[in-house]
Amino acid sequence: MKKGLYSILKGTFLISDDAFKNWRMILFISALAIIMIASSHSADKKVHEIARLSNEVKELRSAMIDGRGKLMNLKKETVVEKKMKEKGLAISEIPPTKIKVKSQN
């Protein structure tokens, strides 16, 4: 037990005759660690992208609601009447009449 612990601390298990088995395991574990770190970074990047896109969606939704409110205000008859008075047009006092066309057949 003591000899095995000293072997690990001194690193002699890496240069002994059976070192090839140890190196293969160390390289395999190192490769797994690198893959795990890369996967974690990729997941973090995706989380940040999702958060950025959801904020953008919220901003666009609020802009759409604001624009819809402005449009509803501009469609009101009183607002249209004021804008037309500025241009010199007024609402007609005479109501419109239907024109009926009889076919000549």
PDB file of N, CA and C in Angstrom:
ATOM      1  N   MET A   1       0.823  -1.185   0.000  1.00  0.00           N
ATOM      2  CA  MET A   1       0.000   0.000   0.000  1.00  0.00           C
ATOM      3  C   MET A   1       0.867   1.249   0.000  1.00  0.00           C
ATOM      4  N   LYS A   2       1.866   1.249   0.897  1.00  0.00           N
ATOM      5  CA  LYS A   2       2.754   2.384   1.001  1.00  0.00           C
ATOM      6  C   LYS A   2       3.565   2.549  -0.281  1.00  0.00           C
ATOM      7  N   LYS A   3       3.986   1.411  -0.845  1.00  0.00           N
ATOM      8  CA  LYS A   3       4.799   1.430  -2.060  1.00  0.00           C
ATOM      9  C   LYS A   3       3.978   1.966  -3.244  1.00  0.00           C
ATOM     10  N   GLY A   4       2.691   1.575  -3.311  1.00  0.00           N
ATOM     11  CA  GLY A   4       1.816   2.050  -4.388  1.00  0.00           C
ATOM     12  C   GLY A   4       1.592   3.552  -4.311  1.00  0.00           C
ATOM     13  N   LEU A   5       1.449   4.064  -3.090  1.00  0.00           N
ATOM     14  CA  LEU A   5       1.243   5.503  -2.906  1.00  0.00           C
ATOM     15  C   LEU A   5       2.491   6.278  -3.290  1.00  0.00           C
ATOM     16  N   TYR A   6       3.647   5.783  -2.891  1.00  0.00           N
ATOM     17  CA  TYR A   6       4.907   6.434  -3.282  1.00  0.00           C
ATOM     18  C   TYR A   6       5.106   6.384  -4.790  1.00  0.00           C
ATOM     19  N   SER A   7       4.682   5.295  -5.397  1.00  0.00           N
ATOM     20  CA  SER A   7       4.796   5.152  -6.849  1.00  0.00           C
ATOM     21  C   SER A   7       3.956   6.217  -7.556  1.00  0.00           C
ATOM     22  N   ILE A   8       2.764   6.469  -7.048  1.00  0.00           N
ATOM     23  CA  ILE A   8       1.900   7.486  -7.654  1.00  0.00           C
ATOM     24  C   ILE A   8       2.471   8.877  -7.414  1.00  0.00           C
ATOM     25  N   LEU A   9       2.938   9.169  -6.199  1.00  0.00           N
ATOM     26  CA  LEU A   9       3.470  10.484  -5.885  1.00  0.00           C
ATOM     27  C   LEU A   9       4.756  10.801  -6.661  1.00  0.00           C
ATOM     28  N   LYS A  10       5.624   9.795  -6.803  1.00  0.00           N
ATOM     29  CA  LYS A  10       6.882  10.015  -7.526  1.00  0.00           C
ATOM     30  C   LYS A  10       6.696   9.934  -9.038  1.00  0.00           C
ATOM     31  N   GLY A  11       5.624   9.303  -9.489  1.00  0.00           N
ATOM     32  CA  GLY A  11       5.372   9.186 -10.920  1.00  0.00           C
ATOM     33  C   GLY A  11       6.072   8.005 -11.553  1.00  0.00           C
ATOM     34  N   THR A  12       6.569   7.083 -10.756  1.00  0.00           N
ATOM     35  CA  THR A  12       7.274   5.926 -11.327  1.00  0.00           C
ATOM     36  C   THR A  12       6.322   4.960 -12.031  1.00  0.00           C
ATOM     37  N   PHE A  13       5.043   5.060 -11.753  1.00  0.00           N
ATOM     38  CA  PHE A  13       4.091   4.182 -12.434  1.00  0.00           C
ATOM     39  C   PHE A  13       3.981   4.550 -13.922  1.00  0.00           C
ATOM     40  N   LEU A  14       4.455   5.737 -14.281  1.00  0.00           N
ATOM     41  CA  LEU A  14       4.408   6.161 -15.682  1.00  0.00           C
ATOM     42  C   LEU A  14       5.602   5.662 -16.497  1.00  0.00           C
ATOM     43  N   ILE A  15       6.695   5.283 -15.823  1.00  0.00           N
ATOM     44  CA  ILE A  15       7.886   4.847 -16.557  1.00  0.00           C
ATOM     45  C   ILE A  15       8.231   3.388 -16.297  1.00  0.00           C
ATOM     46  N   SER A  16       7.377   2.677 -15.605  1.00  0.00           N
ATOM     47  CA  SER A  16       7.647   1.254 -15.340  1.00  0.00           C
ATOM     48  C   SER A  16       7.350   0.429 -16.591  1.00  0.00           C
ATOM     49  N   ASP A  17       7.544  -0.894 -16.491  1.00  0.00           N
ATOM     50  CA  ASP A  17       7.332  -1.783 -17.633  1.00  0.00           C
ATOM     51  C   ASP A  17       5.862  -1.831 -18.057  1.00  0.00           C
ATOM     52  N   ASP A  18       4.948  -1.738 -17.142  1.00  0.00           N
ATOM     53  CA  ASP A  18       3.516  -1.766 -17.460  1.00  0.00           C
ATOM     54  C   ASP A  18       2.951  -0.361 -17.691  1.00  0.00           C
ATOM     55  N   ALA A  19       3.807   0.580 -18.001  1.00  0.00           N
ATOM     56  CA  ALA A  19       3.389   1.984 -18.117  1.00  0.00           C
ATOM     57  C   ALA A  19       2.452   2.215 -19.304  1.00  0.00           C
ATOM     58  N   PHE A  20       2.539   1.360 -20.336  1.00  0.00           N
ATOM     59  CA  PHE A  20       1.706   1.564 -21.522  1.00  0.00           C
ATOM     60  C   PHE A  20       0.221   1.512 -21.154  1.00  0.00           C
ATOM     61  N   LYS A  21      -0.151   0.590 -20.280  1.00  0.00           N
ATOM     62  CA  LYS A  21      -1.547   0.499 -19.832  1.00  0.00           C
ATOM     63  C   LYS A  21      -1.948   1.778 -19.091  1.00  0.00           C
ATOM     64  N   ASN A  22      -1.063   2.265 -18.263  1.00  0.00           N
ATOM     65  CA  ASN A  22      -1.348   3.488 -17.504  1.00  0.00           C
ATOM     66  C   ASN A  22      -1.481   4.699 -18.427  1.00  0.00           C
ATOM     67  N   TRP A  23      -0.591   4.811 -19.400  1.00  0.00           N
ATOM     68  CA  TRP A  23      -0.646   5.943 -20.323  1.00  0.00           C
ATOM     69  C   TRP A  23      -1.925   5.929 -21.148  1.00  0.00           C
ATOM     70  N   ARG A  24      -2.325   4.738 -21.577  1.00  0.00           N
ATOM     71  CA  ARG A  24      -3.569   4.653 -22.346  1.00  0.00           C
ATOM     72  C   ARG A  24      -4.753   5.147 -21.518  1.00  0.00           C
ATOM     73  N   MET A  25      -4.813   4.740 -20.264  1.00  0.00           N
ATOM     74  CA  MET A  25      -5.913   5.159 -19.397  1.00  0.00           C
ATOM     75  C   MET A  25      -5.857   6.669 -19.139  1.00  0.00           C
ATOM     76  N   ILE A  26      -4.657   7.195 -18.904  1.00  0.00           N
ATOM     77  CA  ILE A  26      -4.505   8.631 -18.658  1.00  0.00           C
ATOM     78  C   ILE A  26      -4.924   9.430 -19.897  1.00  0.00           C
ATOM     79  N   LEU A  27      -4.501   9.003 -21.074  1.00  0.00           N
ATOM     80  CA  LEU A  27      -4.887   9.695 -22.305  1.00  0.00           C
ATOM     81  C   LEU A  27      -6.398   9.608 -22.542  1.00  0.00           C
ATOM     82  N   PHE A  28      -6.984   8.455 -22.253  1.00  0.00           N
ATOM     83  CA  PHE A  28      -8.426   8.288 -22.418  1.00  0.00           C
ATOM     84  C   PHE A  28      -9.189   9.220 -21.478  1.00  0.00           C
ATOM     85  N   ILE A  29      -8.773   9.280 -20.237  1.00  0.00           N
ATOM     86  CA  ILE A  29      -9.436  10.152 -19.259  1.00  0.00           C
ATOM     87  C   ILE A  29      -9.235  11.622 -19.633  1.00  0.00           C
ATOM     88  N   SER A  30      -8.043  11.966 -20.127  1.00  0.00           N
ATOM     89  CA  SER A  30      -7.785  13.345 -20.562  1.00  0.00           C
ATOM     90  C   SER A  30      -8.676  13.717 -21.741  1.00  0.00           C
ATOM     91  N   ALA A  31      -8.823  12.808 -22.688  1.00  0.00           N
ATOM     92  CA  ALA A  31      -9.687  13.071 -23.842  1.00  0.00           C
ATOM     93  C   ALA A  31     -11.136  13.259 -23.393  1.00  0.00           C
ATOM     94  N   LEU A  32     -11.592  12.427 -22.472  1.00  0.00           N
ATOM     95  CA  LEU A  32     -12.950  12.573 -21.951  1.00  0.00           C
ATOM     96  C   LEU A  32     -13.139  13.911 -21.239  1.00  0.00           C
ATOM     97  N   ALA A  33     -12.121  14.335 -20.501  1.00  0.00           N
ATOM     98  CA  ALA A  33     -12.199  15.617 -19.799  1.00  0.00           C
ATOM     99  C   ALA A  33     -12.278  16.776 -20.791  1.00  0.00           C
ATOM    100  N   ILE A  34     -11.495  16.713 -21.870  1.00  0.00           N
ATOM    101  CA  ILE A  34     -11.520  17.767 -22.889  1.00  0.00           C
ATOM    102  C   ILE A  34     -12.890  17.810 -23.566  1.00  0.00           C
ATOM    103  N   ILE A  35     -13.441  16.645 -23.878  1.00  0.00           N
ATOM    104  CA  ILE A  35     -14.767  16.586 -24.506  1.00  0.00           C
ATOM    105  C   ILE A  35     -15.829  17.150 -23.569  1.00  0.00           C
ATOM    106  N   MET A  36     -15.736  16.831 -22.289  1.00  0.00           N
ATOM    107  CA  MET A  36     -16.701  17.323 -21.315  1.00  0.00           C
ATOM    108  C   MET A  36     -16.618  18.851 -21.193  1.00  0.00           C
ATOM    109  N   ILE A  37     -15.420  19.403 -21.180  1.00  0.00           N
ATOM    110  CA  ILE A  37     -15.239  20.849 -21.081  1.00  0.00           C
ATOM    111  C   ILE A  37     -15.792  21.541 -22.323  1.00  0.00           C
ATOM    112  N   ALA A  38     -15.510  20.971 -23.500  1.00  0.00           N
ATOM    113  CA  ALA A  38     -16.021  21.554 -24.746  1.00  0.00           C
ATOM    114  C   ALA A  38     -17.547  21.516 -24.777  1.00  0.00           C
ATOM    115  N   SER A  39     -18.125  20.436 -24.325  1.00  0.00           N
ATOM    116  CA  SER A  39     -19.581  20.309 -24.282  1.00  0.00           C
ATOM    117  C   SER A  39     -20.190  21.338 -23.329  1.00  0.00           C
ATOM    118  N   SER A  40     -19.554  21.541 -22.218  1.00  0.00           N
ATOM    119  CA  SER A  40     -20.033  22.521 -21.240  1.00  0.00           C
ATOM    120  C   SER A  40     -19.988  23.932 -21.822  1.00  0.00           C
ATOM    121  N   HIS A  41     -18.901  24.267 -22.513  1.00  0.00           N
ATOM    122  CA  HIS A  41     -18.801  25.593 -23.133  1.00  0.00           C
ATOM    123  C   HIS A  41     -19.867  25.770 -24.209  1.00  0.00           C
ATOM    124  N   SER A  42     -20.106  24.726 -24.974  1.00  0.00           N
ATOM    125  CA  SER A  42     -21.133  24.789 -26.017  1.00  0.00           C
ATOM    126  C   SER A  42     -22.515  25.009 -25.398  1.00  0.00           C
ATOM    127  N   ALA A  43     -22.810  24.314 -24.326  1.00  0.00           N
ATOM    128  CA  ALA A  43     -24.105  24.478 -23.657  1.00  0.00           C
ATOM    129  C   ALA A  43     -24.253  25.893 -23.087  1.00  0.00           C
ATOM    130  N   ASP A  44     -23.190  26.422 -22.489  1.00  0.00           N
ATOM    131  CA  ASP A  44     -23.232  27.788 -21.962  1.00  0.00           C
ATOM    132  C   ASP A  44     -23.473  28.801 -23.079  1.00  0.00           C
ATOM    133  N   LYS A  45     -22.813  28.596 -24.224  1.00  0.00           N
ATOM    134  CA  LYS A  45     -22.987  29.502 -25.354  1.00  0.00           C
ATOM    135  C   LYS A  45     -24.432  29.485 -25.835  1.00  0.00           C
ATOM    136  N   LYS A  46     -25.038  28.294 -25.872  1.00  0.00           N
ATOM    137  CA  LYS A  46     -26.429  28.176 -26.303  1.00  0.00           C
ATOM    138  C   LYS A  46     -27.377  28.841 -25.303  1.00  0.00           C
ATOM    139  N   VAL A  47     -27.097  28.717 -24.030  1.00  0.00           N
ATOM    140  CA  VAL A  47     -27.932  29.356 -23.007  1.00  0.00           C
ATOM    141  C   VAL A  47     -27.892  30.874 -23.154  1.00  0.00           C
ATOM    142  N   HIS A  48     -26.690  31.425 -23.388  1.00  0.00           N
ATOM    143  CA  HIS A  48     -26.570  32.877 -23.570  1.00  0.00           C
ATOM    144  C   HIS A  48     -27.293  33.320 -24.840  1.00  0.00           C
ATOM    145  N   GLU A  49     -27.199  32.535 -25.909  1.00  0.00           N
ATOM    146  CA  GLU A  49     -27.884  32.866 -27.154  1.00  0.00           C
ATOM    147  C   GLU A  49     -29.398  32.851 -26.960  1.00  0.00           C
ATOM    148  N   ILE A  50     -29.907  31.865 -26.231  1.00  0.00           N
ATOM    149  CA  ILE A  50     -31.351  31.785 -25.964  1.00  0.00           C
ATOM    150  C   ILE A  50     -31.806  32.984 -25.145  1.00  0.00           C
ATOM    151  N   ALA A  51     -31.037  33.373 -24.154  1.00  0.00           N
ATOM    152  CA  ALA A  51     -31.396  34.535 -23.327  1.00  0.00           C
ATOM    153  C   ALA A  51     -31.401  35.813 -24.162  1.00  0.00           C
ATOM    154  N   ARG A  52     -30.405  35.970 -25.048  1.00  0.00           N
ATOM    155  CA  ARG A  52     -30.341  37.157 -25.900  1.00  0.00           C
ATOM    156  C   ARG A  52     -31.538  37.201 -26.848  1.00  0.00           C
ATOM    157  N   LEU A  53     -31.866  36.058 -27.437  1.00  0.00           N
ATOM    158  CA  LEU A  53     -32.993  36.019 -28.368  1.00  0.00           C
ATOM    159  C   LEU A  53     -34.326  36.254 -27.668  1.00  0.00           C
ATOM    160  N   SER A  54     -34.480  35.749 -26.454  1.00  0.00           N
ATOM    161  CA  SER A  54     -35.744  35.985 -25.741  1.00  0.00           C
ATOM    162  C   SER A  54     -35.882  37.457 -25.370  1.00  0.00           C
ATOM    163  N   ASN A  55     -34.781  38.122 -25.017  1.00  0.00           N
ATOM    164  CA  ASN A  55     -34.837  39.569 -24.758  1.00  0.00           C
ATOM    165  C   ASN A  55     -35.205  40.331 -26.023  1.00  0.00           C
ATOM    166  N   GLU A  56     -34.643  39.896 -27.149  1.00  0.00           N
ATOM    167  CA  GLU A  56     -34.964  40.549 -28.420  1.00  0.00           C
ATOM    168  C   GLU A  56     -36.437  40.364 -28.774  1.00  0.00           C
ATOM    169  N   VAL A  57     -36.978  39.176 -28.505  1.00  0.00           N
ATOM    170  CA  VAL A  57     -38.400  38.920 -28.771  1.00  0.00           C
ATOM    171  C   VAL A  57     -39.267  39.822 -27.904  1.00  0.00           C
ATOM    172  N   LYS A  58     -38.902  39.985 -26.637  1.00  0.00           N
ATOM    173  CA  LYS A  58     -39.670  40.857 -25.749  1.00  0.00           C
ATOM    174  C   LYS A  58     -39.651  42.300 -26.249  1.00  0.00           C
ATOM    175  N   GLU A  59     -38.485  42.773 -26.697  1.00  0.00           N
ATOM    176  CA  GLU A  59     -38.382  44.138 -27.207  1.00  0.00           C
ATOM    177  C   GLU A  59     -39.229  44.312 -28.464  1.00  0.00           C
ATOM    178  N   LEU A  60     -39.162  43.338 -29.368  1.00  0.00           N
ATOM    179  CA  LEU A  60     -39.938  43.432 -30.608  1.00  0.00           C
ATOM    180  C   LEU A  60     -41.438  43.363 -30.337  1.00  0.00           C
ATOM    181  N   ARG A  61     -41.838  42.534 -29.373  1.00  0.00           N
ATOM    182  CA  ARG A  61     -43.254  42.441 -29.026  1.00  0.00           C
ATOM    183  C   ARG A  61     -43.754  43.765 -28.455  1.00  0.00           C
ATOM    184  N   SER A  62     -42.951  44.393 -27.583  1.00  0.00           N
ATOM    185  CA  SER A  62     -43.383  45.672 -27.015  1.00  0.00           C
ATOM    186  C   SER A  62     -43.420  46.754 -28.092  1.00  0.00           C
ATOM    187  N   ALA A  63     -42.484  46.708 -29.043  1.00  0.00           N
ATOM    188  CA  ALA A  63     -42.516  47.680 -30.145  1.00  0.00           C
ATOM    189  C   ALA A  63     -43.755  47.463 -31.009  1.00  0.00           C
ATOM    190  N   MET A  64     -44.134  46.202 -31.230  1.00  0.00           N
ATOM    191  CA  MET A  64     -45.326  45.913 -32.022  1.00  0.00           C
ATOM    192  C   MET A  64     -46.583  46.431 -31.318  1.00  0.00           C
ATOM    193  N   ILE A  65     -46.676  46.219 -30.031  1.00  0.00           N
ATOM    194  CA  ILE A  65     -47.836  46.681 -29.270  1.00  0.00           C
ATOM    195  C   ILE A  65     -47.898  48.204 -29.285  1.00  0.00           C
ATOM    196  N   ASP A  66     -46.754  48.853 -29.144  1.00  0.00           N
ATOM    197  CA  ASP A  66     -46.703  50.317 -29.199  1.00  0.00           C
ATOM    198  C   ASP A  66     -47.132  50.820 -30.576  1.00  0.00           C
ATOM    199  N   GLY A  67     -46.650  50.182 -31.619  1.00  0.00           N
ATOM    200  CA  GLY A  67     -47.025  50.569 -32.978  1.00  0.00           C
ATOM    201  C   GLY A  67     -48.502  50.351 -33.252  1.00  0.00           C
ATOM    202  N   ARG A  68     -49.040  49.259 -32.734  1.00  0.00           N
ATOM    203  CA  ARG A  68     -50.471  48.991 -32.916  1.00  0.00           C
ATOM    204  C   ARG A  68     -51.308  50.052 -32.201  1.00  0.00           C
ATOM    205  N   GLY A  69     -50.868  50.483 -31.032  1.00  0.00           N
ATOM    206  CA  GLY A  69     -51.585  51.538 -30.304  1.00  0.00           C
ATOM    207  C   GLY A  69     -51.566  52.856 -31.063  1.00  0.00           C
ATOM    208  N   LYS A  70     -50.404  53.185 -31.632  1.00  0.00           N
ATOM    209  CA  LYS A  70     -50.313  54.420 -32.420  1.00  0.00           C
ATOM    210  C   LYS A  70     -51.211  54.342 -33.652  1.00  0.00           C
ATOM    211  N   LEU A  71     -51.238  53.192 -34.305  1.00  0.00           N
ATOM    212  CA  LEU A  71     -52.085  53.011 -35.479  1.00  0.00           C
ATOM    213  C   LEU A  71     -53.559  53.151 -35.122  1.00  0.00           C
ATOM    214  N   MET A  72     -53.984  52.561 -34.012  1.00  0.00           N
ATOM    215  CA  MET A  72     -55.383  52.684 -33.587  1.00  0.00           C
ATOM    216  C   MET A  72     -55.737  54.145 -33.325  1.00  0.00           C
ATOM    217  N   ASN A  73     -54.792  54.883 -32.763  1.00  0.00           N
ATOM    218  CA  ASN A  73     -55.032  56.303 -32.499  1.00  0.00           C
ATOM    219  C   ASN A  73     -55.148  57.082 -33.809  1.00  0.00           C
ATOM    220  N   LEU A  74     -54.292  56.763 -34.781  1.00  0.00           N
ATOM    221  CA  LEU A  74     -54.328  57.475 -36.061  1.00  0.00           C
ATOM    222  C   LEU A  74     -55.574  57.152 -36.874  1.00  0.00           C
ATOM    223  N   LYS A  75     -56.208  56.011 -36.631  1.00  0.00           N
ATOM    224  CA  LYS A  75     -57.396  55.620 -37.379  1.00  0.00           C
ATOM    225  C   LYS A  75     -58.674  56.260 -36.849  1.00  0.00           C
ATOM    226  N   LYS A  76     -58.606  56.924 -35.728  1.00  0.00           N
ATOM    227  CA  LYS A  76     -59.797  57.557 -35.160  1.00  0.00           C
ATOM    228  C   LYS A  76     -60.283  58.669 -36.086  1.00  0.00           C
ATOM    229  N   GLU A  77     -61.590  58.825 -36.132  1.00  0.00           N
ATOM    230  CA  GLU A  77     -62.189  59.813 -37.040  1.00  0.00           C
ATOM    231  C   GLU A  77     -61.770  61.230 -36.676  1.00  0.00           C
ATOM    232  N   THR A  78     -61.658  61.518 -35.396  1.00  0.00           N
ATOM    233  CA  THR A  78     -61.306  62.887 -34.988  1.00  0.00           C
ATOM    234  C   THR A  78     -59.882  63.231 -35.414  1.00  0.00           C
ATOM    235  N   VAL A  79     -58.977  62.268 -35.300  1.00  0.00           N
ATOM    236  CA  VAL A  79     -57.586  62.522 -35.695  1.00  0.00           C
ATOM    237  C   VAL A  79     -57.504  62.727 -37.204  1.00  0.00           C
ATOM    238  N   VAL A  80     -58.231  61.887 -37.962  1.00  0.00           N
ATOM    239  CA  VAL A  80     -58.234  62.029 -39.423  1.00  0.00           C
ATOM    240  C   VAL A  80     -58.822  63.383 -39.805  1.00  0.00           C
ATOM    241  N   GLU A  81     -59.886  63.791 -39.123  1.00  0.00           N
ATOM    242  CA  GLU A  81     -60.525  65.076 -39.416  1.00  0.00           C
ATOM    243  C   GLU A  81     -59.558  66.238 -39.167  1.00  0.00           C
ATOM    244  N   LYS A  82     -58.814  66.184 -38.064  1.00  0.00           N
ATOM    245  CA  LYS A  82     -57.847  67.249 -37.763  1.00  0.00           C
ATOM    246  C   LYS A  82     -56.763  67.318 -38.838  1.00  0.00           C
ATOM    247  N   LYS A  83     -56.275  66.171 -39.261  1.00  0.00           N
ATOM    248  CA  LYS A  83     -55.217  66.153 -40.279  1.00  0.00           C
ATOM    249  C   LYS A  83     -55.738  66.697 -41.605  1.00  0.00           C
ATOM    250  N   MET A  84     -56.978  66.383 -41.939  1.00  0.00           N
ATOM    251  CA  MET A  84     -57.548  66.868 -43.193  1.00  0.00           C
ATOM    252  C   MET A  84     -57.819  68.372 -43.135  1.00  0.00           C
ATOM    253  N   LYS A  85     -58.199  68.904 -41.955  1.00  0.00           N
ATOM    254  CA  LYS A  85     -58.402  70.357 -41.808  1.00  0.00           C
ATOM    255  C   LYS A  85     -57.090  71.097 -42.032  1.00  0.00           C
ATOM    256  N   GLU A  86     -55.979  70.520 -41.609  1.00  0.00           N
ATOM    257  CA  GLU A  86     -54.673  71.133 -41.820  1.00  0.00           C
ATOM    258  C   GLU A  86     -54.372  71.251 -43.310  1.00  0.00           C
ATOM    259  N   LYS A  87     -54.869  70.299 -44.098  1.00  0.00           N
ATOM    260  CA  LYS A  87     -54.631  70.308 -45.544  1.00  0.00           C
ATOM    261  C   LYS A  87     -55.735  71.049 -46.299  1.00  0.00           C
ATOM    262  N   GLY A  88     -56.735  71.553 -45.588  1.00  0.00           N
ATOM    263  CA  GLY A  88     -57.779  72.339 -46.219  1.00  0.00           C
ATOM    264  C   GLY A  88     -58.986  71.530 -46.652  1.00  0.00           C
ATOM    265  N   LEU A  89     -59.111  70.304 -46.191  1.00  0.00           N
ATOM    266  CA  LEU A  89     -60.274  69.474 -46.523  1.00  0.00           C
ATOM    267  C   LEU A  89     -61.206  69.402 -45.328  1.00  0.00           C
ATOM    268  N   ALA A  90     -62.499  69.258 -45.602  1.00  0.00           N
ATOM    269  CA  ALA A  90     -63.476  69.166 -44.515  1.00  0.00           C
ATOM    270  C   ALA A  90     -64.445  68.028 -44.818  1.00  0.00           C
ATOM    271  N   ILE A  91     -65.193  67.620 -43.799  1.00  0.00           N
ATOM    272  CA  ILE A  91     -66.185  66.569 -43.967  1.00  0.00           C
ATOM    273  C   ILE A  91     -67.380  67.151 -44.718  1.00  0.00           C
ATOM    274  N   SER A  92     -67.871  66.392 -45.657  1.00  0.00           N
ATOM    275  CA  SER A  92     -69.007  66.847 -46.465  1.00  0.00           C
ATOM    276  C   SER A  92     -70.268  66.856 -45.627  1.00  0.00           C
ATOM    277  N   GLU A  93     -71.084  67.904 -45.824  1.00  0.00           N
ATOM    278  CA  GLU A  93     -72.361  68.011 -45.124  1.00  0.00           C
ATOM    279  C   GLU A  93     -73.435  67.200 -45.829  1.00  0.00           C
ATOM    280  N   ILE A  94     -73.255  66.970 -47.130  1.00  0.00           N
ATOM    281  CA  ILE A  94     -74.229  66.212 -47.918  1.00  0.00           C
ATOM    282  C   ILE A  94     -73.840  64.737 -47.868  1.00  0.00           C
ATOM    283  N   PRO A  95     -74.749  63.872 -47.435  1.00  0.00           N
ATOM    284  CA  PRO A  95     -74.410  62.453 -47.359  1.00  0.00           C
ATOM    285  C   PRO A  95     -74.259  61.861 -48.763  1.00  0.00           C
ATOM    286  N   PRO A  96     -73.472  60.827 -48.891  1.00  0.00           N
ATOM    287  CA  PRO A  96     -73.297  60.213 -50.199  1.00  0.00           C
ATOM    288  C   PRO A  96     -74.573  59.509 -50.649  1.00  0.00           C
ATOM    289  N   THR A  97     -74.763  59.427 -51.972  1.00  0.00           N
ATOM    290  CA  THR A  97     -75.928  58.726 -52.527  1.00  0.00           C
ATOM    291  C   THR A  97     -75.448  57.586 -53.408  1.00  0.00           C
ATOM    292  N   LYS A  98     -76.329  56.588 -53.531  1.00  0.00           N
ATOM    293  CA  LYS A  98     -75.997  55.446 -54.375  1.00  0.00           C
ATOM    294  C   LYS A  98     -76.310  55.774 -55.823  1.00  0.00           C
ATOM    295  N   ILE A  99     -75.470  55.314 -56.696  1.00  0.00           N
ATOM    296  CA  ILE A  99     -75.714  55.461 -58.129  1.00  0.00           C
ATOM    297  C   ILE A  99     -76.108  54.088 -58.644  1.00  0.00           C
ATOM    298  N   LYS A 100     -77.297  54.026 -59.225  1.00  0.00           N
ATOM    299  CA  LYS A 100     -77.774  52.746 -59.752  1.00  0.00           C
ATOM    300  C   LYS A 100     -77.658  52.790 -61.277  1.00  0.00           C
ATOM    301  N   VAL A 101     -77.051  51.795 -61.821  1.00  0.00           N
ATOM    302  CA  VAL A 101     -76.888  51.699 -63.256  1.00  0.00           C
ATOM    303  C   VAL A 101     -77.741  50.534 -63.737  1.00  0.00           C
ATOM    304  N   LYS A 102     -78.637  50.807 -64.669  1.00  0.00           N
ATOM    305  CA  LYS A 102     -79.462  49.746 -65.232  1.00  0.00           C
ATOM    306  C   LYS A 102     -78.749  49.203 -66.465  1.00  0.00           C
ATOM    307  N   SER A 103     -78.768  47.918 -66.580  1.00  0.00           N
ATOM    308  CA  SER A 103     -78.106  47.323 -67.755  1.00  0.00           C
ATOM    309  C   SER A 103     -78.892  47.639 -69.010  1.00  0.00           C
ATOM    310  N   GLN A 104     -78.222  47.786 -70.115  1.00  0.00           N
ATOM    311  CA  GLN A 104     -78.862  48.180 -71.373  1.00  0.00           C
ATOM    312  C   GLN A 104     -79.225  46.965 -72.230  1.00  0.00           C
ATOM    313  N   ASN A 105     -79.214  45.812 -71.715  1.00  0.00           N
ATOM    314  CA  ASN A 105     -79.572  44.599 -72.488  1.00  0.00           C
ATOM    315  C   ASN A 105     -80.968  44.537 -72.790  1.00  0.00           C
TER     316      ASN A 105
END
